[in-house]
């Protein structure tokens, strides 16, 4: 008696398309503080979100990957108009009104420390404005790269508006107040 064996062999394969994606989220977070003439905190806005403008993102990409010159220094500016944030804002056409009612002769530099933990900040050296008039403030912006970008109110000279942040509601300042702005720029995996 002979046995005949039968056996089926099945083979299968699965193809998996592997997609490796990494998104980088660039943003700024702002802290605003106002102190009276005696150094008492009058009001503060912490962890305010922002808009990083298209102009700012293009500048960053061109500096990093297209050989454009580094923008140095950057300046922090206070805003006195109730203007909604938009990614289409530019240095030449900011659509907001910069507050110039402070005793310092020029815009305040963004004096940042070296990047650490995917962020860079001026928290150790806040932009400080000695207010010399009664005003209503609405936020701040980060600008640089123009020929006269340290000049209060400048909107010419080819500068860059990197980011803009608005308060939750308007805030009053008066002569003798000290207004401080902290800006933290982050680039993190999203």
Foldseek 3Di string as FASTA:
>chain_A
DDDDDDDDDDDDDDDDDDDDDWDKDKWKFKKKWKAFLVRHTPDIFGRFTWAFAPLQVVVVCCVVPVVDDDWPWKFKFWFFAPDDHDNPAWLLRNVTATDPQFDDQWTFTQDWDDDDPQKIKSVVPWRKTQGAAKGKTWWMWMKTDAPRNRHPPDSDRDIGTGMITTGPDIDIDGHSMMMTMMMMIGIDTD
